[in-house]
N, C-alpha and C. Protein backbone atom coordinates (compact mmCIF):
# COMPACT_ATOMS: atom_id res chain seq x y z
N MET A 1 0.80 -1.22 0.00
CA MET A 1 0.00 0.00 0.00
C MET A 1 0.85 1.28 0.00
N PRO A 2 1.94 1.34 0.78
CA PRO A 2 2.77 2.57 0.75
C PRO A 2 3.33 2.86 -0.63
N VAL A 3 3.60 1.81 -1.41
CA VAL A 3 4.13 2.02 -2.76
C VAL A 3 3.12 2.78 -3.60
N ALA A 4 1.85 2.44 -3.45
CA ALA A 4 0.79 3.11 -4.21
C ALA A 4 0.74 4.60 -3.85
N TYR A 5 0.93 4.91 -2.58
CA TYR A 5 0.91 6.31 -2.16
C TYR A 5 2.10 7.08 -2.73
N CYS A 6 3.21 6.39 -2.93
CA CYS A 6 4.38 7.05 -3.53
C CYS A 6 4.18 7.29 -5.02
N LEU A 7 3.51 6.35 -5.69
CA LEU A 7 3.33 6.45 -7.14
C LEU A 7 2.20 7.39 -7.53
N LEU A 8 1.27 7.62 -6.62
CA LEU A 8 0.11 8.44 -6.94
C LEU A 8 0.48 9.87 -7.36
N PRO A 9 1.35 10.58 -6.61
CA PRO A 9 1.72 11.94 -7.06
C PRO A 9 2.43 11.93 -8.40
N ILE A 10 3.23 10.91 -8.66
CA ILE A 10 3.93 10.82 -9.94
C ILE A 10 2.91 10.67 -11.07
N ALA A 11 1.91 9.83 -10.86
CA ALA A 11 0.86 9.63 -11.86
C ALA A 11 0.10 10.93 -12.10
N CYS A 12 -0.18 11.66 -11.03
CA CYS A 12 -0.90 12.93 -11.15
C CYS A 12 -0.08 13.97 -11.91
N CYS A 13 1.23 13.89 -11.80
CA CYS A 13 2.09 14.83 -12.53
C CYS A 13 2.17 14.46 -14.00
N LEU A 14 2.19 13.16 -14.29
CA LEU A 14 2.36 12.71 -15.67
C LEU A 14 1.07 12.77 -16.46
N LEU A 15 -0.07 12.75 -15.79
CA LEU A 15 -1.36 12.73 -16.48
C LEU A 15 -1.57 13.95 -17.37
N PRO A 16 -1.34 15.18 -16.87
CA PRO A 16 -1.50 16.35 -17.76
C PRO A 16 -0.55 16.30 -18.95
N VAL A 17 0.65 15.78 -18.74
CA VAL A 17 1.60 15.66 -19.84
C VAL A 17 1.04 14.73 -20.91
N ALA A 18 0.43 13.62 -20.47
CA ALA A 18 -0.16 12.67 -21.41
C ALA A 18 -1.30 13.34 -22.20
N TYR A 19 -2.11 14.15 -21.51
CA TYR A 19 -3.21 14.83 -22.19
C TYR A 19 -2.68 15.86 -23.20
N CYS A 20 -1.52 16.44 -22.93
CA CYS A 20 -0.93 17.39 -23.87
C CYS A 20 -0.35 16.68 -25.09
N LEU A 21 0.23 15.50 -24.86
CA LEU A 21 0.88 14.78 -25.95
C LEU A 21 -0.12 14.04 -26.83
N LEU A 22 -1.28 13.71 -26.29
CA LEU A 22 -2.26 12.92 -27.04
C LEU A 22 -2.71 13.60 -28.33
N PRO A 23 -3.12 14.89 -28.29
CA PRO A 23 -3.52 15.54 -29.55
C PRO A 23 -2.38 15.63 -30.55
N ILE A 24 -1.15 15.83 -30.03
CA ILE A 24 0.01 15.90 -30.92
C ILE A 24 0.20 14.57 -31.63
N ALA A 25 0.06 13.48 -30.87
CA ALA A 25 0.20 12.15 -31.46
C ALA A 25 -0.90 11.91 -32.48
N CYS A 26 -2.12 12.35 -32.18
CA CYS A 26 -3.24 12.16 -33.11
C CYS A 26 -3.03 12.97 -34.39
N CYS A 27 -2.34 14.09 -34.30
CA CYS A 27 -2.05 14.88 -35.49
C CYS A 27 -0.92 14.28 -36.30
N LEU A 28 0.09 13.73 -35.61
CA LEU A 28 1.28 13.24 -36.30
C LEU A 28 1.07 11.88 -36.93
N LEU A 29 0.23 11.04 -36.32
CA LEU A 29 0.05 9.69 -36.86
C LEU A 29 -0.51 9.68 -38.28
N PRO A 30 -1.60 10.41 -38.56
CA PRO A 30 -2.09 10.42 -39.96
C PRO A 30 -1.06 11.00 -40.92
N LEU A 31 -0.31 12.00 -40.48
CA LEU A 31 0.73 12.59 -41.33
C LEU A 31 1.81 11.56 -41.64
N ALA A 32 2.15 10.75 -40.65
CA ALA A 32 3.17 9.72 -40.87
C ALA A 32 2.67 8.69 -41.88
N PHE A 33 1.41 8.26 -41.73
CA PHE A 33 0.85 7.28 -42.67
C PHE A 33 0.72 7.88 -44.06
N LEU A 34 0.31 9.15 -44.12
CA LEU A 34 0.16 9.82 -45.41
C LEU A 34 1.52 9.99 -46.07
N GLY A 35 2.52 10.36 -45.28
CA GLY A 35 3.87 10.52 -45.81
C GLY A 35 4.40 9.22 -46.38
N LYS A 36 4.15 8.12 -45.66
CA LYS A 36 4.63 6.82 -46.14
C LYS A 36 3.92 6.43 -47.43
N SER A 37 2.60 6.66 -47.49
CA SER A 37 1.86 6.28 -48.69
C SER A 37 2.31 7.13 -49.88
N CYS A 38 2.66 8.39 -49.63
CA CYS A 38 3.12 9.25 -50.71
C CYS A 38 4.51 8.82 -51.18
N VAL A 39 5.34 8.38 -50.24
CA VAL A 39 6.69 7.96 -50.59
C VAL A 39 6.65 6.65 -51.37
N TYR A 40 5.82 5.72 -50.90
CA TYR A 40 5.79 4.39 -51.52
C TYR A 40 4.97 4.37 -52.81
N ASN A 41 4.02 5.32 -52.95
CA ASN A 41 3.19 5.38 -54.15
C ASN A 41 3.32 6.76 -54.80
N PRO A 42 4.45 7.06 -55.39
CA PRO A 42 4.64 8.41 -55.96
C PRO A 42 3.79 8.66 -57.20
N ASP A 43 3.36 7.59 -57.88
CA ASP A 43 2.61 7.77 -59.13
C ASP A 43 1.12 8.00 -58.89
N THR A 44 0.64 7.81 -57.64
CA THR A 44 -0.78 8.04 -57.36
C THR A 44 -0.98 9.44 -56.81
N ASN A 45 -2.20 9.92 -56.83
CA ASN A 45 -2.51 11.23 -56.26
C ASN A 45 -2.58 11.09 -54.74
N GLY A 46 -1.54 11.54 -54.04
CA GLY A 46 -1.39 11.48 -52.59
C GLY A 46 -2.56 10.96 -51.79
N LEU A 47 -3.62 11.77 -51.66
CA LEU A 47 -4.74 11.41 -50.81
C LEU A 47 -5.52 10.22 -51.37
N LEU A 48 -5.64 10.14 -52.68
CA LEU A 48 -6.42 9.06 -53.28
C LEU A 48 -5.67 7.73 -53.23
N GLY A 49 -4.36 7.79 -53.26
CA GLY A 49 -3.57 6.58 -53.30
C GLY A 49 -3.54 5.89 -51.96
């Protein structure tokens, strides 16, 4: 039980950081997939390919 009390403040500190990083990750993931599809399929029209 004491271990849980030690980890709780750490979790509370990291939670806002996770909420800040989540939208960034959601923005970057589609860009990464789109970038890969554009690189691997240069002859198709980016979004359609």
